[in-house]
């Protein structure tokens, strides 16, 4: 199969996590529309860990604000 064939089941971990280090898109279109918006997150992208850490910090900061200041 082609490297960027997003229908390839070998590129989906546990059936719902897209992992393809050869795909240059961090938010590729999901041809099977597993997500509500038709896009998914590419966990194999080289910048994926940075995005995950950044989003985690934002979520934890928001949760901390709600717990301690509301």
PDB file of N, CA and C in Angstrom:
ATOM      1  N   UNK A   1       0.830  -1.194   0.000  1.00  0.00           N
ATOM      2  CA  UNK A   1       0.000   0.000   0.000  1.00  0.00           C
ATOM      3  C   UNK A   1       0.868   1.248   0.000  1.00  0.00           C
ATOM      4  N   UNK A   2       0.294   2.320  -0.426  1.00  0.00           N
ATOM      5  CA  UNK A   2       1.002   3.601  -0.470  1.00  0.00           C
ATOM      6  C   UNK A   2       1.268   4.106   0.949  1.00  0.00           C
ATOM      7  N   UNK A   3       2.373   4.855   1.110  1.00  0.00           N
ATOM      8  CA  UNK A   3       2.779   5.347   2.430  1.00  0.00           C
ATOM      9  C   UNK A   3       1.732   6.241   3.078  1.00  0.00           C
ATOM     10  N   UNK A   4       1.011   7.017   2.287  1.00  0.00           N
ATOM     11  CA  UNK A   4       0.040   7.961   2.834  1.00  0.00           C
ATOM     12  C   UNK A   4      -1.394   7.471   2.684  1.00  0.00           C
ATOM     13  N   UNK A   5      -1.583   6.189   2.440  1.00  0.00           N
ATOM     14  CA  UNK A   5      -2.922   5.624   2.333  1.00  0.00           C
ATOM     15  C   UNK A   5      -3.506   5.515   3.737  1.00  0.00           C
ATOM     16  N   UNK A   6      -4.358   6.445   4.093  1.00  0.00           N
ATOM     17  CA  UNK A   6      -4.893   6.495   5.457  1.00  0.00           C
ATOM     18  C   UNK A   6      -5.945   5.429   5.719  1.00  0.00           C
ATOM     19  N   UNK A   7      -6.320   4.662   4.684  1.00  0.00           N
ATOM     20  CA  UNK A   7      -7.230   3.539   4.872  1.00  0.00           C
ATOM     21  C   UNK A   7      -6.494   2.279   5.312  1.00  0.00           C
ATOM     22  N   UNK A   8      -5.175   2.305   5.277  1.00  0.00           N
ATOM     23  CA  UNK A   8      -4.366   1.149   5.647  1.00  0.00           C
ATOM     24  C   UNK A   8      -4.544   0.862   7.138  1.00  0.00           C
ATOM     25  N   UNK A   9      -5.058  -0.298   7.509  1.00  0.00           N
ATOM     26  CA  UNK A   9      -5.282  -0.584   8.938  1.00  0.00           C
ATOM     27  C   UNK A   9      -3.997  -0.688   9.747  1.00  0.00           C
ATOM     28  N   UNK A  10      -2.848  -0.884   9.095  1.00  0.00           N
ATOM     29  CA  UNK A  10      -1.580  -0.948   9.823  1.00  0.00           C
ATOM     30  C   UNK A  10      -1.167   0.419  10.372  1.00  0.00           C
ATOM     31  N   UNK A  11      -1.763   1.492   9.852  1.00  0.00           N
ATOM     32  CA  UNK A  11      -1.437   2.844  10.318  1.00  0.00           C
ATOM     33  C   UNK A  11      -2.315   3.291  11.480  1.00  0.00           C
ATOM     34  N   UNK A  12      -3.266   2.460  11.866  1.00  0.00           N
ATOM     35  CA  UNK A  12      -4.174   2.800  12.960  1.00  0.00           C
ATOM     36  C   UNK A  12      -3.886   1.888  14.143  1.00  0.00           C
ATOM     37  N   UNK A  13      -3.437   2.475  15.250  1.00  0.00           N
ATOM     38  CA  UNK A  13      -3.159   1.721  16.469  1.00  0.00           C
ATOM     39  C   UNK A  13      -4.441   1.611  17.277  1.00  0.00           C
ATOM     40  N   UNK A  14      -4.789   0.412  17.692  1.00  0.00           N
ATOM     41  CA  UNK A  14      -6.009   0.107  18.441  1.00  0.00           C
ATOM     42  C   UNK A  14      -7.264   0.546  17.688  1.00  0.00           C
ATOM     43  N   UNK A  15      -7.144   0.759  16.411  1.00  0.00           N
ATOM     44  CA  UNK A  15      -8.293   1.088  15.591  1.00  0.00           C
ATOM     45  C   UNK A  15      -8.705   2.542  15.562  1.00  0.00           C
ATOM     46  N   UNK A  16      -8.098   3.396  16.407  1.00  0.00           N
ATOM     47  CA  UNK A  16      -8.535   4.798  16.412  1.00  0.00           C
ATOM     48  C   UNK A  16      -7.402   5.814  16.550  1.00  0.00           C
ATOM     49  N   UNK A  17      -6.151   5.383  16.764  1.00  0.00           N
ATOM     50  CA  UNK A  17      -5.024   6.305  16.839  1.00  0.00           C
ATOM     51  C   UNK A  17      -4.215   6.210  15.547  1.00  0.00           C
ATOM     52  N   UNK A  18      -4.186   7.297  14.805  1.00  0.00           N
ATOM     53  CA  UNK A  18      -3.452   7.325  13.535  1.00  0.00           C
ATOM     54  C   UNK A  18      -1.975   7.569  13.816  1.00  0.00           C
ATOM     55  N   UNK A  19      -1.110   6.669  13.338  1.00  0.00           N
ATOM     56  CA  UNK A  19       0.333   6.770  13.570  1.00  0.00           C
ATOM     57  C   UNK A  19       1.055   6.506  12.256  1.00  0.00           C
ATOM     58  N   UNK A  20       1.545   7.576  11.627  1.00  0.00           N
ATOM     59  CA  UNK A  20       2.288   7.456  10.381  1.00  0.00           C
ATOM     60  C   UNK A  20       3.390   8.509  10.346  1.00  0.00           C
ATOM     61  N   UNK A  21       4.632   8.122  10.696  1.00  0.00           N
ATOM     62  CA  UNK A  21       5.730   9.092  10.688  1.00  0.00           C
ATOM     63  C   UNK A  21       6.063   9.636   9.297  1.00  0.00           C
ATOM     64  N   UNK A  22       5.616   8.971   8.242  1.00  0.00           N
ATOM     65  CA  UNK A  22       5.918   9.426   6.881  1.00  0.00           C
ATOM     66  C   UNK A  22       4.900  10.435   6.360  1.00  0.00           C
ATOM     67  N   UNK A  23       3.805  10.617   7.074  1.00  0.00           N
ATOM     68  CA  UNK A  23       2.786  11.581   6.679  1.00  0.00           C
ATOM     69  C   UNK A  23       3.198  12.959   7.198  1.00  0.00           C
ATOM     70  N   UNK A  24       3.355  13.969   6.327  1.00  0.00           N
ATOM     71  CA  UNK A  24       3.809  15.293   6.768  1.00  0.00           C
ATOM     72  C   UNK A  24       2.740  16.101   7.506  1.00  0.00           C
ATOM     73  N   UNK A  25       1.504  15.674   7.477  1.00  0.00           N
ATOM     74  CA  UNK A  25       0.411  16.416   8.121  1.00  0.00           C
ATOM     75  C   UNK A  25       0.254  15.997   9.572  1.00  0.00           C
ATOM     76  N   UNK A  26       0.140  16.975  10.456  1.00  0.00           N
ATOM     77  CA  UNK A  26      -0.095  16.654  11.858  1.00  0.00           C
ATOM     78  C   UNK A  26      -1.595  16.487  12.118  1.00  0.00           C
ATOM     79  N   UNK A  27      -2.421  17.127  11.314  1.00  0.00           N
ATOM     80  CA  UNK A  27      -3.874  16.970  11.378  1.00  0.00           C
ATOM     81  C   UNK A  27      -4.407  16.541  10.010  1.00  0.00           C
ATOM     82  N   UNK A  28      -4.199  15.290   9.631  1.00  0.00           N
ATOM     83  CA  UNK A  28      -4.641  14.850   8.306  1.00  0.00           C
ATOM     84  C   UNK A  28      -6.139  14.582   8.252  1.00  0.00           C
ATOM     85  N   UNK A  29      -6.668  14.618   7.037  1.00  0.00           N
ATOM     86  CA  UNK A  29      -8.069  14.281   6.801  1.00  0.00           C
ATOM     87  C   UNK A  29      -8.249  12.789   7.053  1.00  0.00           C
ATOM     88  N   UNK A  30      -9.308  12.434   7.751  1.00  0.00           N
ATOM     89  CA  UNK A  30      -9.613  11.035   8.046  1.00  0.00           C
ATOM     90  C   UNK A  30     -10.631  10.528   7.022  1.00  0.00           C
ATOM     91  N   UNK A  31     -10.207   9.654   6.103  1.00  0.00           N
ATOM     92  CA  UNK A  31     -11.117   9.218   5.045  1.00  0.00           C
ATOM     93  C   UNK A  31     -12.290   8.393   5.566  1.00  0.00           C
ATOM     94  N   UNK A  32     -12.141   7.773   6.717  1.00  0.00           N
ATOM     95  CA  UNK A  32     -13.224   6.967   7.276  1.00  0.00           C
ATOM     96  C   UNK A  32     -14.059   7.750   8.282  1.00  0.00           C
ATOM     97  N   UNK A  33     -13.730   9.023   8.466  1.00  0.00           N
ATOM     98  CA  UNK A  33     -14.449   9.926   9.373  1.00  0.00           C
ATOM     99  C   UNK A  33     -14.635   9.319  10.750  1.00  0.00           C
ATOM    100  N   UNK A  34     -13.536   8.856  11.312  1.00  0.00           N
ATOM    101  CA  UNK A  34     -13.587   8.331  12.678  1.00  0.00           C
ATOM    102  C   UNK A  34     -13.871   9.460  13.666  1.00  0.00           C
ATOM    103  N   UNK A  35     -13.464  10.668  13.316  1.00  0.00           N
ATOM    104  CA  UNK A  35     -13.706  11.821  14.178  1.00  0.00           C
ATOM    105  C   UNK A  35     -14.929  12.580  13.709  1.00  0.00           C
ATOM    106  N   UNK A  36     -15.425  13.441  14.545  1.00  0.00           N
ATOM    107  CA  UNK A  36     -16.614  14.213  14.215  1.00  0.00           C
ATOM    108  C   UNK A  36     -16.328  15.192  13.087  1.00  0.00           C
ATOM    109  N   UNK A  37     -15.137  15.793  13.099  1.00  0.00           N
ATOM    110  CA  UNK A  37     -14.823  16.832  12.127  1.00  0.00           C
ATOM    111  C   UNK A  37     -14.223  16.304  10.828  1.00  0.00           C
ATOM    112  N   UNK A  38     -13.908  15.021  10.753  1.00  0.00           N
ATOM    113  CA  UNK A  38     -13.310  14.468   9.548  1.00  0.00           C
ATOM    114  C   UNK A  38     -11.798  14.586   9.524  1.00  0.00           C
ATOM    115  N   UNK A  39     -11.205  15.110  10.595  1.00  0.00           N
ATOM    116  CA  UNK A  39      -9.752  15.147  10.700  1.00  0.00           C
ATOM    117  C   UNK A  39      -9.341  14.337  11.917  1.00  0.00           C
ATOM    118  N   UNK A  40      -8.076  13.955  11.958  1.00  0.00           N
ATOM    119  CA  UNK A  40      -7.557  13.195  13.081  1.00  0.00           C
ATOM    120  C   UNK A  40      -6.169  13.706  13.426  1.00  0.00           C
ATOM    121  N   UNK A  41      -5.619  13.265  14.517  1.00  0.00           N
ATOM    122  CA  UNK A  41      -4.293  13.679  14.950  1.00  0.00           C
ATOM    123  C   UNK A  41      -3.301  12.586  14.579  1.00  0.00           C
ATOM    124  N   UNK A  42      -2.198  12.973  13.941  1.00  0.00           N
ATOM    125  CA  UNK A  42      -1.166  12.019  13.542  1.00  0.00           C
ATOM    126  C   UNK A  42      -0.151  11.885  14.680  1.00  0.00           C
ATOM    127  N   UNK A  43      -0.250  10.803  15.454  1.00  0.00           N
ATOM    128  CA  UNK A  43       0.646  10.586  16.584  1.00  0.00           C
ATOM    129  C   UNK A  43       2.063  10.222  16.134  1.00  0.00           C
ATOM    130  N   UNK A  44       2.261   9.938  14.873  1.00  0.00           N
ATOM    131  CA  UNK A  44       3.578   9.606  14.356  1.00  0.00           C
ATOM    132  C   UNK A  44       4.365  10.800  13.843  1.00  0.00           C
ATOM    133  N   UNK A  45       3.754  11.955  13.795  1.00  0.00           N
ATOM    134  CA  UNK A  45       4.431  13.174  13.320  1.00  0.00           C
ATOM    135  C   UNK A  45       5.534  13.551  14.301  1.00  0.00           C
ATOM    136  N   UNK A  46       6.632  14.084  13.786  1.00  0.00           N
ATOM    137  CA  UNK A  46       7.779  14.400  14.656  1.00  0.00           C
ATOM    138  C   UNK A  46       7.481  15.504  15.661  1.00  0.00           C
ATOM    139  N   UNK A  47       6.483  16.335  15.415  1.00  0.00           N
ATOM    140  CA  UNK A  47       6.117  17.391  16.362  1.00  0.00           C
ATOM    141  C   UNK A  47       4.947  16.998  17.270  1.00  0.00           C
ATOM    142  N   UNK A  48       4.443  15.793  17.123  1.00  0.00           N
ATOM    143  CA  UNK A  48       3.297  15.347  17.918  1.00  0.00           C
ATOM    144  C   UNK A  48       3.559  15.404  19.420  1.00  0.00           C
ATOM    145  N   UNK A  49       4.721  14.951  19.917  1.00  0.00           N
ATOM    146  CA  UNK A  49       4.949  15.042  21.370  1.00  0.00           C
ATOM    147  C   UNK A  49       4.894  16.476  21.898  1.00  0.00           C
ATOM    148  N   UNK A  50       5.400  17.438  21.126  1.00  0.00           N
ATOM    149  CA  UNK A  50       5.347  18.837  21.550  1.00  0.00           C
ATOM    150  C   UNK A  50       3.909  19.337  21.633  1.00  0.00           C
ATOM    151  N   UNK A  51       3.106  18.971  20.670  1.00  0.00           N
ATOM    152  CA  UNK A  51       1.707  19.394  20.663  1.00  0.00           C
ATOM    153  C   UNK A  51       0.965  18.770  21.839  1.00  0.00           C
ATOM    154  N   UNK A  52       1.221  17.498  22.114  1.00  0.00           N
ATOM    155  CA  UNK A  52       0.558  16.815  23.221  1.00  0.00           C
ATOM    156  C   UNK A  52       0.949  17.450  24.557  1.00  0.00           C
ATOM    157  N   UNK A  53       2.222  17.753  24.749  1.00  0.00           N
ATOM    158  CA  UNK A  53       2.674  18.389  25.986  1.00  0.00           C
ATOM    159  C   UNK A  53       2.052  19.779  26.123  1.00  0.00           C
ATOM    160  N   UNK A  54       2.050  20.548  25.053  1.00  0.00           N
ATOM    161  CA  UNK A  54       1.472  21.888  25.080  1.00  0.00           C
ATOM    162  C   UNK A  54      -0.012  21.839  25.439  1.00  0.00           C
ATOM    163  N   UNK A  55      -0.758  20.967  24.790  1.00  0.00           N
ATOM    164  CA  UNK A  55      -2.189  20.863  25.084  1.00  0.00           C
ATOM    165  C   UNK A  55      -2.438  20.371  26.510  1.00  0.00           C
ATOM    166  N   UNK A  56      -1.598  19.469  26.988  1.00  0.00           N
ATOM    167  CA  UNK A  56      -1.733  18.977  28.366  1.00  0.00           C
ATOM    168  C   UNK A  56      -1.501  20.099  29.373  1.00  0.00           C
ATOM    169  N   UNK A  57      -0.508  20.937  29.118  1.00  0.00           N
ATOM    170  CA  UNK A  57      -0.236  22.069  30.016  1.00  0.00           C
ATOM    171  C   UNK A  57      -1.415  23.039  30.030  1.00  0.00           C
ATOM    172  N   UNK A  58      -1.973  23.314  28.866  1.00  0.00           N
ATOM    173  CA  UNK A  58      -3.127  24.216  28.784  1.00  0.00           C
ATOM    174  C   UNK A  58      -4.306  23.644  29.569  1.00  0.00           C
ATOM    175  N   UNK A  59      -4.571  22.353  29.388  1.00  0.00           N
ATOM    176  CA  UNK A  59      -5.706  21.717  30.084  1.00  0.00           C
ATOM    177  C   UNK A  59      -5.482  21.709  31.593  1.00  0.00           C
ATOM    178  N   UNK A  60      -4.268  21.363  32.024  1.00  0.00           N
ATOM    179  CA  UNK A  60      -3.973  21.340  33.464  1.00  0.00           C
ATOM    180  C   UNK A  60      -4.031  22.739  34.077  1.00  0.00           C
ATOM    181  N   UNK A  61      -3.560  23.739  33.342  1.00  0.00           N
ATOM    182  CA  UNK A  61      -3.625  25.110  33.842  1.00  0.00           C
ATOM    183  C   UNK A  61      -5.079  25.561  33.987  1.00  0.00           C
ATOM    184  N   UNK A  62      -5.898  25.227  33.019  1.00  0.00           N
ATOM    185  CA  UNK A  62      -7.322  25.582  33.082  1.00  0.00           C
ATOM    186  C   UNK A  62      -8.001  24.867  34.243  1.00  0.00           C
ATOM    187  N   UNK A  63      -7.714  23.572  34.406  1.00  0.00           N
ATOM    188  CA  UNK A  63      -8.302  22.807  35.505  1.00  0.00           C
ATOM    189  C   UNK A  63      -7.835  23.366  36.858  1.00  0.00           C
ATOM    190  N   UNK A  64      -6.549  23.716  36.963  1.00  0.00           N
ATOM    191  CA  UNK A  64      -6.039  24.298  38.192  1.00  0.00           C
ATOM    192  C   UNK A  64      -6.686  25.616  38.506  1.00  0.00           C
ATOM    193  N   UNK A  65      -6.912  26.420  37.500  1.00  0.00           N
ATOM    194  CA  UNK A  65      -7.593  27.708  37.692  1.00  0.00           C
ATOM    195  C   UNK A  65      -8.995  27.496  38.243  1.00  0.00           C
ATOM    196  N   UNK A  66      -9.707  26.541  37.664  1.00  0.00           N
ATOM    197  CA  UNK A  66     -11.080  26.284  38.103  1.00  0.00           C
ATOM    198  C   UNK A  66     -11.090  25.764  39.549  1.00  0.00           C
ATOM    199  N   UNK A  67     -10.165  24.859  39.876  1.00  0.00           N
ATOM    200  CA  UNK A  67     -10.145  24.266  41.212  1.00  0.00           C
ATOM    201  C   UNK A  67      -9.746  25.294  42.273  1.00  0.00           C
ATOM    202  N   UNK A  68      -8.737  26.106  41.988  1.00  0.00           N
ATOM    203  CA  UNK A  68      -8.203  26.985  43.018  1.00  0.00           C
ATOM    204  C   UNK A  68      -8.801  28.389  43.042  1.00  0.00           C
ATOM    205  N   UNK A  69      -9.391  28.849  41.949  1.00  0.00           N
ATOM    206  CA  UNK A  69      -9.879  30.222  41.909  1.00  0.00           C
ATOM    207  C   UNK A  69     -11.379  30.354  41.719  1.00  0.00           C
ATOM    208  N   UNK A  70     -12.091  29.264  41.678  1.00  0.00           N
ATOM    209  CA  UNK A  70     -13.551  29.373  41.514  1.00  0.00           C
ATOM    210  C   UNK A  70     -14.247  28.754  42.683  1.00  0.00           C
TER     211      UNK A  70
END
